Amino acid sequence: KQIRQVLVESEQIRREADDVGPSAE
């Protein structure tokens, strides 16, 4: 259950600021 949660969270869409640069990737 814990591992599934980690996998689900890792696949969620990231919320990032509009002006974030490529180093954030």
PDB file of all heavy atoms in Angstrom:
ATOM      1  N   LYS A   1       0.842  -1.208   0.000  1.00  0.00           N
ATOM      2  CA  LYS A   1       0.000   0.000   0.000  1.00  0.00           C
ATOM      3  C   LYS A   1       0.877   1.257   0.000  1.00  0.00           C
ATOM      4  O   LYS A   1       0.617   2.206  -0.743  1.00  0.00           O
ATOM      5  CB  LYS A   1      -0.919  -0.019   1.229  1.00  0.00           C
ATOM      6  CG  LYS A   1      -1.922   1.095   1.263  1.00  0.00           C
ATOM      7  CD  LYS A   1      -2.838   0.967   2.467  1.00  0.00           C
ATOM      8  CE  LYS A   1      -3.792   2.138   2.528  1.00  0.00           C
ATOM      9  NZ  LYS A   1      -4.626   2.115   3.727  1.00  0.00           N
ATOM     10  N   GLN A   2       1.916   1.268   0.817  1.00  0.00           N
ATOM     11  CA  GLN A   2       2.809   2.431   0.891  1.00  0.00           C
ATOM     12  C   GLN A   2       3.546   2.649  -0.425  1.00  0.00           C
ATOM     13  O   GLN A   2       3.686   3.778  -0.889  1.00  0.00           O
ATOM     14  CB  GLN A   2       3.804   2.253   2.043  1.00  0.00           C
ATOM     15  CG  GLN A   2       3.169   2.333   3.409  1.00  0.00           C
ATOM     16  CD  GLN A   2       4.117   1.932   4.534  1.00  0.00           C
ATOM     17  OE1 GLN A   2       5.085   1.204   4.323  1.00  0.00           O
ATOM     18  NE2 GLN A   2       3.823   2.395   5.748  1.00  0.00           N
ATOM     19  N   ILE A   3       4.017   1.571  -1.026  1.00  0.00           N
ATOM     20  CA  ILE A   3       4.753   1.681  -2.290  1.00  0.00           C
ATOM     21  C   ILE A   3       3.819   2.162  -3.396  1.00  0.00           C
ATOM     22  O   ILE A   3       4.194   3.005  -4.211  1.00  0.00           O
ATOM     23  CB  ILE A   3       5.423   0.338  -2.657  1.00  0.00           C
ATOM     24  CG1 ILE A   3       6.564   0.052  -1.678  1.00  0.00           C
ATOM     25  CG2 ILE A   3       5.935   0.354  -4.089  1.00  0.00           C
ATOM     26  CD1 ILE A   3       7.136  -1.345  -1.785  1.00  0.00           C
ATOM     27  N   ARG A   4       2.598   1.634  -3.415  1.00  0.00           N
ATOM     28  CA  ARG A   4       1.620   2.101  -4.415  1.00  0.00           C
ATOM     29  C   ARG A   4       1.393   3.601  -4.280  1.00  0.00           C
ATOM     30  O   ARG A   4       1.285   4.313  -5.284  1.00  0.00           O
ATOM     31  CB  ARG A   4       0.293   1.370  -4.246  1.00  0.00           C
ATOM     32  CG  ARG A   4       0.257   0.073  -4.965  1.00  0.00           C
ATOM     33  CD  ARG A   4      -1.162  -0.331  -5.336  1.00  0.00           C
ATOM     34  NE  ARG A   4      -1.090  -1.587  -6.046  1.00  0.00           N
ATOM     35  CZ  ARG A   4      -1.351  -2.758  -5.500  1.00  0.00           C
ATOM     36  NH1 ARG A   4      -1.719  -2.841  -4.248  1.00  0.00           N
ATOM     37  NH2 ARG A   4      -1.243  -3.852  -6.213  1.00  0.00           N
ATOM     38  N   GLN A   5       1.320   4.074  -3.048  1.00  0.00           N
ATOM     39  CA  GLN A   5       1.116   5.500  -2.807  1.00  0.00           C
ATOM     40  C   GLN A   5       2.283   6.323  -3.365  1.00  0.00           C
ATOM     41  O   GLN A   5       2.083   7.346  -3.992  1.00  0.00           O
ATOM     42  CB  GLN A   5       0.937   5.765  -1.300  1.00  0.00           C
ATOM     43  CG  GLN A   5       0.637   7.198  -0.952  1.00  0.00           C
ATOM     44  CD  GLN A   5      -0.696   7.673  -1.511  1.00  0.00           C
ATOM     45  OE1 GLN A   5      -1.645   6.915  -1.617  1.00  0.00           O
ATOM     46  NE2 GLN A   5      -0.744   8.942  -1.893  1.00  0.00           N
ATOM     47  N   VAL A   6       3.500   5.846  -3.151  1.00  0.00           N
ATOM     48  CA  VAL A   6       4.682   6.527  -3.681  1.00  0.00           C
ATOM     49  C   VAL A   6       4.628   6.570  -5.208  1.00  0.00           C
ATOM     50  O   VAL A   6       4.888   7.603  -5.825  1.00  0.00           O
ATOM     51  CB  VAL A   6       5.986   5.841  -3.201  1.00  0.00           C
ATOM     52  CG1 VAL A   6       7.204   6.354  -3.949  1.00  0.00           C
ATOM     53  CG2 VAL A   6       6.167   6.032  -1.703  1.00  0.00           C
ATOM     54  N   LEU A   7       4.260   5.457  -5.824  1.00  0.00           N
ATOM     55  CA  LEU A   7       4.165   5.401  -7.282  1.00  0.00           C
ATOM     56  C   LEU A   7       3.080   6.333  -7.815  1.00  0.00           C
ATOM     57  O   LEU A   7       3.288   7.047  -8.797  1.00  0.00           O
ATOM     58  CB  LEU A   7       3.907   3.966  -7.750  1.00  0.00           C
ATOM     59  CG  LEU A   7       5.097   3.025  -7.681  1.00  0.00           C
ATOM     60  CD1 LEU A   7       4.650   1.579  -7.876  1.00  0.00           C
ATOM     61  CD2 LEU A   7       6.151   3.403  -8.711  1.00  0.00           C
ATOM     62  N   VAL A   8       1.934   6.362  -7.158  1.00  0.00           N
ATOM     63  CA  VAL A   8       0.839   7.243  -7.584  1.00  0.00           C
ATOM     64  C   VAL A   8       1.262   8.704  -7.473  1.00  0.00           C
ATOM     65  O   VAL A   8       1.063   9.495  -8.394  1.00  0.00           O
ATOM     66  CB  VAL A   8      -0.440   6.972  -6.747  1.00  0.00           C
ATOM     67  CG1 VAL A   8      -1.464   8.072  -6.914  1.00  0.00           C
ATOM     68  CG2 VAL A   8      -1.044   5.630  -7.127  1.00  0.00           C
ATOM     69  N   GLU A   9       1.879   9.052  -6.357  1.00  0.00           N
ATOM     70  CA  GLU A   9       2.325  10.437  -6.163  1.00  0.00           C
ATOM     71  C   GLU A   9       3.387  10.833  -7.179  1.00  0.00           C
ATOM     72  O   GLU A   9       3.416  11.966  -7.642  1.00  0.00           O
ATOM     73  CB  GLU A   9       2.859  10.629  -4.739  1.00  0.00           C
ATOM     74  CG  GLU A   9       1.778  10.632  -3.693  1.00  0.00           C
ATOM     75  CD  GLU A   9       2.310  10.647  -2.269  1.00  0.00           C
ATOM     76  OE1 GLU A   9       3.536  10.826  -2.076  1.00  0.00           O
ATOM     77  OE2 GLU A   9       1.495  10.473  -1.341  1.00  0.00           O
ATOM     78  N   SER A  10       4.242   9.894  -7.558  1.00  0.00           N
ATOM     79  CA  SER A  10       5.305  10.217  -8.503  1.00  0.00           C
ATOM     80  C   SER A  10       4.753  10.472  -9.903  1.00  0.00           C
ATOM     81  O   SER A  10       5.387  11.151 -10.709  1.00  0.00           O
ATOM     82  CB  SER A  10       6.351   9.104  -8.543  1.00  0.00           C
ATOM     83  OG  SER A  10       5.867   7.983  -9.254  1.00  0.00           O
ATOM     84  N   GLU A  11       3.589   9.926 -10.203  1.00  0.00           N
ATOM     85  CA  GLU A  11       2.994  10.088 -11.524  1.00  0.00           C
ATOM     86  C   GLU A  11       2.056  11.296 -11.621  1.00  0.00           C
ATOM     87  O   GLU A  11       1.565  11.606 -12.698  1.00  0.00           O
ATOM     88  CB  GLU A  11       2.218   8.825 -11.915  1.00  0.00           C
ATOM     89  CG  GLU A  11       3.098   7.610 -12.134  1.00  0.00           C
ATOM     90  CD  GLU A  11       4.169   7.843 -13.204  1.00  0.00           C
ATOM     91  OE1 GLU A  11       3.864   8.453 -14.240  1.00  0.00           O
ATOM     92  OE2 GLU A  11       5.310   7.415 -12.981  1.00  0.00           O
ATOM     93  N   GLN A  12       1.804  11.945 -10.494  1.00  0.00           N
ATOM     94  CA  GLN A  12       0.908  13.100 -10.525  1.00  0.00           C
ATOM     95  C   GLN A  12       1.566  14.273 -11.248  1.00  0.00           C
ATOM     96  O   GLN A  12       2.789  14.411 -11.266  1.00  0.00           O
ATOM     97  CB  GLN A  12       0.508  13.517  -9.109  1.00  0.00           C
ATOM     98  CG  GLN A  12      -0.403  12.499  -8.454  1.00  0.00           C
ATOM     99  CD  GLN A  12      -0.751  12.857  -7.014  1.00  0.00           C
ATOM    100  OE1 GLN A  12      -0.091  13.675  -6.398  1.00  0.00           O
ATOM    101  NE2 GLN A  12      -1.782  12.236  -6.503  1.00  0.00           N
ATOM    102  N   ILE A  13       0.737  15.115 -11.815  1.00  0.00           N
ATOM    103  CA  ILE A  13       1.229  16.294 -12.531  1.00  0.00           C
ATOM    104  C   ILE A  13       1.894  17.228 -11.536  1.00  0.00           C
ATOM    105  O   ILE A  13       1.362  17.495 -10.451  1.00  0.00           O
ATOM    106  CB  ILE A  13       0.071  17.002 -13.255  1.00  0.00           C
ATOM    107  CG1 ILE A  13      -0.479  16.086 -14.340  1.00  0.00           C
ATOM    108  CG2 ILE A  13       0.516  18.324 -13.843  1.00  0.00           C
ATOM    109  CD1 ILE A  13      -1.705  16.627 -15.043  1.00  0.00           C
ATOM    110  N   ARG A  14       3.065  17.721 -11.926  1.00  0.00           N
ATOM    111  CA  ARG A  14       3.808  18.625 -11.057  1.00  0.00           C
ATOM    112  C   ARG A  14       3.229  20.033 -11.135  1.00  0.00           C
ATOM    113  O   ARG A  14       2.893  20.510 -12.203  1.00  0.00           O
ATOM    114  CB  ARG A  14       5.277  18.701 -11.470  1.00  0.00           C
ATOM    115  CG  ARG A  14       6.039  17.456 -11.205  1.00  0.00           C
ATOM    116  CD  ARG A  14       7.477  17.647 -11.587  1.00  0.00           C
ATOM    117  NE  ARG A  14       7.627  17.369 -13.024  1.00  0.00           N
ATOM    118  CZ  ARG A  14       8.671  17.706 -13.742  1.00  0.00           C
ATOM    119  NH1 ARG A  14       9.657  18.354 -13.196  1.00  0.00           N
ATOM    120  NH2 ARG A  14       8.739  17.403 -15.009  1.00  0.00           N
ATOM    121  N   ARG A  15       3.163  20.674 -10.019  1.00  0.00           N
ATOM    122  CA  ARG A  15       2.767  22.080  -9.959  1.00  0.00           C
ATOM    123  C   ARG A  15       4.047  22.893  -9.850  1.00  0.00           C
ATOM    124  O   ARG A  15       4.816  22.716  -8.916  1.00  0.00           O
ATOM    125  CB  ARG A  15       1.887  22.364  -8.747  1.00  0.00           C
ATOM    126  CG  ARG A  15       0.636  21.518  -8.699  1.00  0.00           C
ATOM    127  CD  ARG A  15      -0.474  22.178  -9.495  1.00  0.00           C
ATOM    128  NE  ARG A  15      -1.689  21.418  -9.391  1.00  0.00           N
ATOM    129  CZ  ARG A  15      -2.322  20.891 -10.429  1.00  0.00           C
ATOM    130  NH1 ARG A  15      -1.852  21.051 -11.635  1.00  0.00           N
ATOM    131  NH2 ARG A  15      -3.420  20.202 -10.264  1.00  0.00           N
ATOM    132  N   GLU A  16       4.266  23.753 -10.840  1.00  0.00           N
ATOM    133  CA  GLU A  16       5.477  24.566 -10.837  1.00  0.00           C
ATOM    134  C   GLU A  16       5.111  26.001 -11.163  1.00  0.00           C
ATOM    135  O   GLU A  16       4.112  26.260 -11.831  1.00  0.00           O
ATOM    136  CB  GLU A  16       6.478  24.047 -11.880  1.00  0.00           C
ATOM    137  CG  GLU A  16       6.983  22.660 -11.577  1.00  0.00           C
ATOM    138  CD  GLU A  16       7.842  22.082 -12.686  1.00  0.00           C
ATOM    139  OE1 GLU A  16       7.530  22.301 -13.866  1.00  0.00           O
ATOM    140  OE2 GLU A  16       8.820  21.419 -12.347  1.00  0.00           O
ATOM    141  N   ALA A  17       5.942  26.913 -10.708  1.00  0.00           N
ATOM    142  CA  ALA A  17       5.745  28.321 -11.030  1.00  0.00           C
ATOM    143  C   ALA A  17       5.856  28.511 -12.539  1.00  0.00           C
ATOM    144  O   ALA A  17       6.524  27.745 -13.235  1.00  0.00           O
ATOM    145  CB  ALA A  17       6.782  29.172 -10.306  1.00  0.00           C
ATOM    146  N   ASP A  18       5.192  29.534 -13.036  1.00  0.00           N
ATOM    147  CA  ASP A  18       5.182  29.790 -14.476  1.00  0.00           C
ATOM    148  C   ASP A  18       6.548  30.150 -15.035  1.00  0.00           C
ATOM    149  O   ASP A  18       6.782  30.008 -16.229  1.00  0.00           O
ATOM    150  CB  ASP A  18       4.192  30.918 -14.804  1.00  0.00           C
ATOM    151  CG  ASP A  18       2.754  30.481 -14.603  1.00  0.00           C
ATOM    152  OD1 ASP A  18       2.498  29.256 -14.615  1.00  0.00           O
ATOM    153  OD2 ASP A  18       1.895  31.357 -14.437  1.00  0.00           O
ATOM    154  N   ASP A  19       7.431  30.640 -14.180  1.00  0.00           N
ATOM    155  CA  ASP A  19       8.712  31.127 -14.691  1.00  0.00           C
ATOM    156  C   ASP A  19       9.896  30.234 -14.328  1.00  0.00           C
ATOM    157  O   ASP A  19      11.043  30.637 -14.412  1.00  0.00           O
ATOM    158  CB  ASP A  19       8.966  32.552 -14.191  1.00  0.00           C
ATOM    159  CG  ASP A  19       9.065  32.620 -12.675  1.00  0.00           C
ATOM    160  OD1 ASP A  19       8.706  31.630 -12.000  1.00  0.00           O
ATOM    161  OD2 ASP A  19       9.498  33.663 -12.167  1.00  0.00           O
ATOM    162  N   VAL A  20       9.613  28.993 -13.952  1.00  0.00           N
ATOM    163  CA  VAL A  20      10.684  28.087 -13.531  1.00  0.00           C
ATOM    164  C   VAL A  20      11.557  27.705 -14.739  1.00  0.00           C
ATOM    165  O   VAL A  20      11.061  27.497 -15.835  1.00  0.00           O
ATOM    166  CB  VAL A  20      10.096  26.838 -12.821  1.00  0.00           C
ATOM    167  CG1 VAL A  20       9.355  25.948 -13.778  1.00  0.00           C
ATOM    168  CG2 VAL A  20      11.167  26.052 -12.105  1.00  0.00           C
ATOM    169  N   GLY A  21      12.865  27.661 -14.502  1.00  0.00           N
ATOM    170  CA  GLY A  21      13.825  27.383 -15.569  1.00  0.00           C
ATOM    171  C   GLY A  21      14.144  25.903 -15.715  1.00  0.00           C
ATOM    172  O   GLY A  21      13.640  25.066 -14.954  1.00  0.00           O
ATOM    173  N   PRO A  22      14.997  25.573 -16.681  1.00  0.00           N
ATOM    174  CA  PRO A  22      15.289  24.162 -16.976  1.00  0.00           C
ATOM    175  C   PRO A  22      16.059  23.436 -15.883  1.00  0.00           C
ATOM    176  O   PRO A  22      15.989  22.208 -15.793  1.00  0.00           O
ATOM    177  CB  PRO A  22      16.107  24.229 -18.272  1.00  0.00           C
ATOM    178  CG  PRO A  22      16.667  25.602 -18.313  1.00  0.00           C
ATOM    179  CD  PRO A  22      15.691  26.477 -17.598  1.00  0.00           C
ATOM    180  N   SER A  23      16.759  24.154 -15.036  1.00  0.00           N
ATOM    181  CA  SER A  23      17.477  23.455 -13.959  1.00  0.00           C
ATOM    182  C   SER A  23      16.493  22.795 -12.990  1.00  0.00           C
ATOM    183  O   SER A  23      16.835  21.819 -12.331  1.00  0.00           O
ATOM    184  CB  SER A  23      18.426  24.403 -13.224  1.00  0.00           C
ATOM    185  OG  SER A  23      17.725  25.506 -12.718  1.00  0.00           O
ATOM    186  N   ALA A  24      15.263  23.304 -12.934  1.00  0.00           N
ATOM    187  CA  ALA A  24      14.239  22.688 -12.083  1.00  0.00           C
ATOM    188  C   ALA A  24      13.889  21.287 -12.582  1.00  0.00           C
ATOM    189  O   ALA A  24      13.549  20.407 -11.785  1.00  0.00           O
ATOM    190  CB  ALA A  24      12.983  23.556 -12.046  1.00  0.00           C
ATOM    191  N   GLU A  25      13.982  21.081 -13.886  1.00  0.00           N
ATOM    192  CA  GLU A  25      13.714  19.754 -14.459  1.00  0.00           C
ATOM    193  C   GLU A  25      14.756  18.756 -13.970  1.00  0.00           C
ATOM    194  O   GLU A  25      14.425  17.649 -13.544  1.00  0.00           O
ATOM    195  CB  GLU A  25      13.712  19.840 -15.988  1.00  0.00           C
ATOM    196  CG  GLU A  25      13.276  18.594 -16.677  1.00  0.00           C
ATOM    197  CD  GLU A  25      11.786  18.308 -16.586  1.00  0.00           C
ATOM    198  OE1 GLU A  25      11.019  19.128 -16.022  1.00  0.00           O
ATOM    199  OE2 GLU A  25      11.379  17.239 -17.064  1.00  0.00           O
TER     200      GLU A  25
END
